[in-house]
Protein backbone atom coordinates (compact mmCIF):
# COMPACT_ATOMS: atom_id res chain seq x y z
CA MET A 1 -45.52 -44.25 -22.59
CA LYS A 2 -42.24 -42.66 -21.52
CA ALA A 3 -43.40 -42.64 -17.89
CA VAL A 4 -44.26 -46.34 -18.11
CA ALA A 5 -40.85 -47.10 -19.62
CA GLU A 6 -39.09 -45.13 -16.89
CA THR A 7 -41.07 -46.97 -14.22
CA SER A 8 -40.14 -50.29 -15.79
CA LYS A 9 -36.47 -49.34 -15.78
CA SER A 10 -36.67 -48.19 -12.17
CA GLU A 11 -38.20 -51.52 -11.19
CA LYS A 12 -35.41 -53.24 -13.11
CA VAL A 13 -32.77 -51.44 -11.02
CA ILE A 14 -34.58 -52.17 -7.76
CA ALA A 15 -35.06 -55.84 -8.70
CA SER A 16 -31.39 -56.21 -9.58
CA ILE A 17 -30.20 -54.81 -6.25
CA ARG A 18 -32.84 -56.73 -4.32
CA ASP A 19 -31.96 -60.05 -5.97
CA ALA A 20 -28.25 -59.50 -5.40
CA ILE A 21 -28.92 -58.97 -1.69
CA ILE A 22 -31.22 -62.01 -1.47
CA THR A 23 -28.69 -64.31 -3.14
CA GLY A 24 -25.86 -62.98 -1.00
CA GLU A 25 -24.01 -61.49 -3.95
CA LEU A 26 -24.26 -58.20 -2.08
CA LYS A 27 -24.05 -57.97 1.69
CA PRO A 28 -24.38 -55.06 4.13
CA GLY A 29 -21.29 -52.91 3.77
CA ASP A 30 -20.49 -54.04 0.22
CA ARG A 31 -19.77 -51.31 -2.32
CA LEU A 32 -21.83 -51.18 -5.51
CA LEU A 33 -20.25 -50.65 -8.89
CA ASN A 34 -19.62 -47.01 -9.63
CA GLU A 35 -22.49 -45.14 -11.24
CA ARG A 36 -21.16 -45.34 -14.79
CA GLU A 37 -20.47 -49.10 -14.63
CA LEU A 38 -23.74 -49.95 -12.91
CA ALA A 39 -25.77 -47.88 -15.39
CA ARG A 40 -24.05 -49.66 -18.26
CA LYS A 41 -24.57 -53.08 -16.70
CA LEU A 42 -28.29 -52.47 -16.12
CA ASP A 43 -28.74 -50.60 -19.40
CA VAL A 44 -30.33 -47.55 -17.78
CA GLY A 45 -29.53 -43.86 -17.77
CA ARG A 46 -27.37 -42.44 -15.02
CA PRO A 47 -30.00 -39.83 -13.94
CA LEU A 48 -32.56 -42.61 -13.44
CA LEU A 49 -30.04 -44.76 -11.58
CA ARG A 50 -29.16 -41.82 -9.37
CA GLU A 51 -32.84 -41.25 -8.57
CA VAL A 52 -33.41 -44.91 -7.66
CA THR A 53 -30.32 -45.13 -5.44
CA ARG A 54 -31.42 -41.94 -3.70
CA SER A 55 -34.84 -43.47 -2.99
CA LEU A 56 -33.27 -46.70 -1.72
CA SER A 57 -30.94 -44.66 0.47
CA ILE A 58 -33.92 -42.95 2.10
CA LEU A 59 -35.28 -46.39 2.98
CA GLY A 60 -31.88 -47.39 4.39
CA ILE A 61 -31.37 -50.14 1.81
CA LEU A 62 -28.40 -48.30 0.35
CA GLU A 63 -25.98 -45.80 1.84
CA THR A 64 -24.43 -43.09 -0.30
CA ARG A 65 -21.07 -41.83 0.95
CA GLN A 66 -20.04 -38.53 -0.54
CA GLY A 67 -16.98 -39.01 -2.75
CA ASP A 68 -16.72 -42.69 -1.89
CA GLY A 69 -19.62 -44.40 -3.67
CA THR A 70 -22.76 -46.29 -2.77
CA TYR A 71 -22.86 -49.16 -0.30
CA VAL A 72 -25.41 -51.71 0.81
CA GLY A 73 -26.95 -50.45 4.03
CA ARG A 74 -28.19 -52.33 7.05
CA ILE A 75 -31.88 -51.61 7.53
CA SER A 76 -32.94 -50.99 11.11
CA ILE A 77 -36.14 -52.63 12.30
CA GLU A 78 -37.25 -49.23 13.57
CA SER A 79 -37.17 -47.74 10.07
CA PHE A 80 -38.91 -50.76 8.62
CA SER A 81 -41.54 -50.61 11.35
CA GLU A 82 -42.29 -46.94 10.70
CA TYR A 83 -42.63 -47.52 6.95
CA PHE A 84 -44.83 -50.57 7.46
CA THR A 85 -46.99 -48.75 10.01
CA PHE A 86 -47.61 -45.82 7.67
CA TYR A 87 -48.42 -48.22 4.84
CA LEU A 88 -50.93 -50.29 6.82
CA ALA A 89 -52.43 -47.27 8.57
CA GLN A 90 -53.67 -46.01 5.20
CA ASN A 91 -56.08 -48.93 5.25
CA GLY A 92 -59.20 -47.88 7.16
CA ASP A 93 -59.57 -51.39 8.59
CA ALA A 94 -55.93 -51.66 9.66
CA LEU A 95 -56.58 -52.01 13.39
CA SER A 96 -59.26 -54.65 12.84
CA ASP A 97 -57.16 -56.55 10.32
CA ILE A 98 -54.09 -56.48 12.57
CA ILE A 99 -55.84 -58.89 14.95
CA GLN A 100 -55.78 -61.59 12.29
CA SER A 101 -52.08 -60.97 11.71
CA ARG A 102 -51.45 -61.25 15.44
CA ILE A 103 -53.28 -64.56 15.65
CA ALA A 104 -51.28 -65.98 12.75
CA ILE A 105 -47.91 -64.84 14.09
CA GLU A 106 -48.53 -65.65 17.75
CA SER A 107 -50.02 -69.08 17.04
CA GLN A 108 -46.73 -70.19 15.49
CA ALA A 109 -44.62 -68.22 17.94
CA VAL A 110 -46.22 -69.82 20.99
CA ARG A 111 -45.49 -73.30 19.59
CA LEU A 112 -41.85 -72.38 19.04
CA ALA A 113 -41.70 -70.83 22.51
CA CYS A 114 -42.63 -74.22 23.96
CA ASN A 115 -39.37 -75.57 22.55
CA PHE A 116 -37.01 -72.61 22.69
CA ALA A 117 -38.06 -70.38 25.60
CA THR A 118 -35.18 -69.77 28.02
CA SER A 119 -35.38 -69.17 31.74
CA SER A 120 -34.96 -65.48 31.00
CA ASP A 121 -37.93 -65.58 28.61
CA LEU A 122 -40.09 -67.30 31.22
CA SER A 123 -39.08 -64.79 33.88
CA LEU A 124 -40.11 -61.95 31.58
CA MET A 125 -43.51 -63.56 30.97
CA GLU A 126 -43.97 -64.02 34.70
CA ARG A 127 -43.27 -60.32 35.30
CA CYS A 128 -45.71 -59.42 32.54
CA LEU A 129 -48.37 -61.57 34.19
CA ALA A 130 -47.82 -59.72 37.46
CA ASP A 131 -48.16 -56.39 35.63
CA LEU A 132 -51.36 -57.62 34.00
CA LEU A 133 -52.86 -58.37 37.38
CA ASP A 134 -51.79 -55.01 38.83
CA THR A 135 -53.16 -53.00 35.90
CA ALA A 136 -56.22 -55.04 34.93
CA LEU A 137 -58.66 -52.20 35.62
CA ASP A 138 -56.46 -49.47 34.17
CA THR A 139 -57.27 -48.99 30.48
CA THR A 140 -53.93 -47.58 29.33
CA ALA A 141 -51.54 -49.42 31.65
CA GLY A 142 -53.52 -52.65 31.24
CA ALA A 143 -53.32 -52.45 27.46
CA GLU A 144 -49.57 -51.88 27.65
CA ALA A 145 -49.07 -54.81 30.04
CA ASP A 146 -51.12 -57.06 27.76
CA PHE A 147 -49.09 -55.92 24.76
CA ARG A 148 -45.78 -56.68 26.54
CA PHE A 149 -46.94 -60.17 27.50
CA HIS A 150 -47.69 -61.04 23.89
CA CYS A 151 -44.39 -59.51 22.77
CA ALA A 152 -42.66 -61.76 25.30
CA ILE A 153 -44.31 -64.82 23.74
CA VAL A 154 -43.06 -63.90 20.28
CA GLY A 155 -39.61 -63.08 21.63
CA ALA A 156 -39.47 -66.51 23.28
CA SER A 157 -39.93 -68.14 19.88
CA HIS A 158 -36.39 -67.01 18.97
CA SER A 159 -37.53 -66.89 15.34
CA ALA A 160 -35.84 -63.92 13.69
CA SER A 161 -38.47 -63.78 10.94
CA LEU A 162 -41.48 -63.84 13.27
CA ILE A 163 -39.91 -61.34 15.65
CA THR A 164 -39.02 -58.97 12.80
CA VAL A 165 -42.52 -59.03 11.29
CA TYR A 166 -44.12 -58.71 14.72
CA ARG A 167 -41.96 -55.73 15.60
CA ALA A 168 -42.77 -54.19 12.23
CA ILE A 169 -46.46 -54.00 13.16
CA SER A 170 -45.86 -53.35 16.86
CA GLU A 171 -47.13 -49.76 16.87
CA LEU A 172 -50.37 -50.75 15.19
CA MET A 173 -50.74 -53.61 17.67
CA ARG A 174 -50.15 -51.25 20.59
CA HIS A 175 -52.93 -49.02 19.29
CA SER A 176 -55.09 -52.11 18.74
CA HIS A 177 -54.62 -53.23 22.35
CA LEU A 178 -55.48 -49.78 23.63
CA ARG A 179 -58.52 -49.36 21.39
CA ARG A 180 -59.94 -52.71 22.42
CA ARG A 181 -59.48 -51.80 26.09
CA GLN A 182 -61.10 -48.42 25.54
CA ARG A 183 -64.07 -50.03 23.83
CA THR A 184 -64.50 -52.72 26.45
CA THR A 185 -65.51 -52.21 30.05
CA ILE A 186 -63.85 -55.02 31.97
CA LYS A 187 -65.97 -55.86 34.97
CA PRO A 188 -64.06 -56.69 38.17
CA GLU A 189 -65.61 -60.16 38.28
CA LEU A 190 -64.06 -60.95 34.88
CA ILE A 191 -60.51 -60.09 35.94
CA PRO A 192 -59.71 -63.63 37.18
CA ASP A 193 -60.78 -65.07 33.80
CA LEU A 194 -58.70 -62.51 31.92
CA ILE A 195 -55.60 -63.26 33.96
CA GLU A 196 -56.19 -67.02 33.83
CA CYS A 197 -56.27 -66.91 30.01
CA HIS A 198 -52.74 -65.54 30.01
CA ARG A 199 -51.57 -67.77 32.84
CA ASP A 200 -52.76 -70.89 30.99
CA ILE A 201 -50.65 -69.91 27.97
CA TYR A 202 -47.65 -69.36 30.23
CA LYS A 203 -48.11 -72.73 31.94
CA ALA A 204 -48.37 -74.55 28.61
CA ILE A 205 -45.10 -72.97 27.47
CA ILE A 206 -43.36 -74.08 30.67
CA LEU A 207 -44.67 -77.63 30.17
CA LYS A 208 -43.63 -77.51 26.48
CA ARG A 209 -47.12 -78.51 25.35
CA GLU A 210 -47.40 -76.94 21.89
CA ASP A 211 -50.98 -77.92 21.08
CA VAL A 212 -52.26 -76.80 24.46
CA ALA A 213 -50.36 -73.52 24.23
CA GLU A 214 -51.85 -72.69 20.84
CA THR A 215 -55.34 -73.72 21.96
CA LYS A 216 -55.12 -71.53 25.05
CA LEU A 217 -53.83 -68.63 22.97
CA ARG A 218 -56.76 -68.91 20.56
CA GLU A 219 -59.19 -69.21 23.49
CA HIS A 220 -57.72 -65.97 24.82
CA PHE A 221 -58.40 -64.21 21.51
CA ASP A 222 -61.93 -65.66 21.50
CA PHE A 223 -62.46 -64.41 25.07
CA SER A 224 -61.33 -60.89 24.10
CA SER A 225 -63.51 -60.90 20.98
CA LYS A 226 -66.49 -62.01 23.06
CA LEU A 227 -65.97 -59.15 25.52
CA GLU A 228 -65.76 -56.66 22.67
CA ALA A 229 -68.89 -58.07 21.02
CA GLU A 230 -70.81 -57.89 24.30
CA GLN A 231 -69.70 -54.30 24.78
CA LYS A 232 -70.88 -53.38 21.27
CA LEU A 233 -74.27 -54.95 22.00
CA THR A 234 -74.51 -53.03 25.28
CA ASP A 235 -73.69 -49.78 23.49
CA ILE A 236 -76.32 -50.45 20.80
CA VAL A 237 -79.00 -51.16 23.40
CA ALA A 238 -78.06 -48.05 25.38
CA HIS A 239 -78.12 -45.92 22.23
CA GLN A 240 -81.52 -47.34 21.23
CA SER A 241 -82.92 -46.64 24.69
CA GLN A 242 -81.80 -43.03 24.50
CA HIS A 243 -83.33 -42.72 21.04
CA ASP A 244 -86.65 -44.16 22.22
CA THR A 245 -86.84 -41.71 25.09
């Protein structure tokens, strides 16, 4: 029971700091009350408070300055991304599930990109398209070029929330791109279709046609899923043939 009570008090401290940051009562760089005052305010013991602030400091939420107190930190997206990646990677279906997250994020991002993409954003997409064409038959380089094109779409949305979440799962997505390429043998005759899928999305963004852009994006995901499904079927047939012989 004591462990449960301690956990409840820890959650109380975390919730208090979190809510203060959400409401703007505390901002990055603000100093928290000293340990004695904060413990009294939250009605928790100082050892427990010290343990919680240490944990939040590891995450970058707080920053403890020796002899000066504890301050609200500014979390870097890199730290958040690493934490999120480790968390999701513990799920055995993480790479499969990440596709659904991508579709959800990119479907909204591509609509926003139709309205907010700058000339610089469009130039980046154009360069990514060129890279896609040059690396289409290269598993590793092709996966990276594909990944960068989709990152460019999300970046062109200029939505801080979408970009932050997308970057948080970027490493898992990079692995997802690579795994799908490794599992799928892209035949040379399919290269034009693969490139055209991406080019159609790009054109729709230039023309600011939100519905078309999202439709083309979803068709691209369907095309990739179809290639992967066909490859799985080919592998099953090949395996069965070997077993029969």
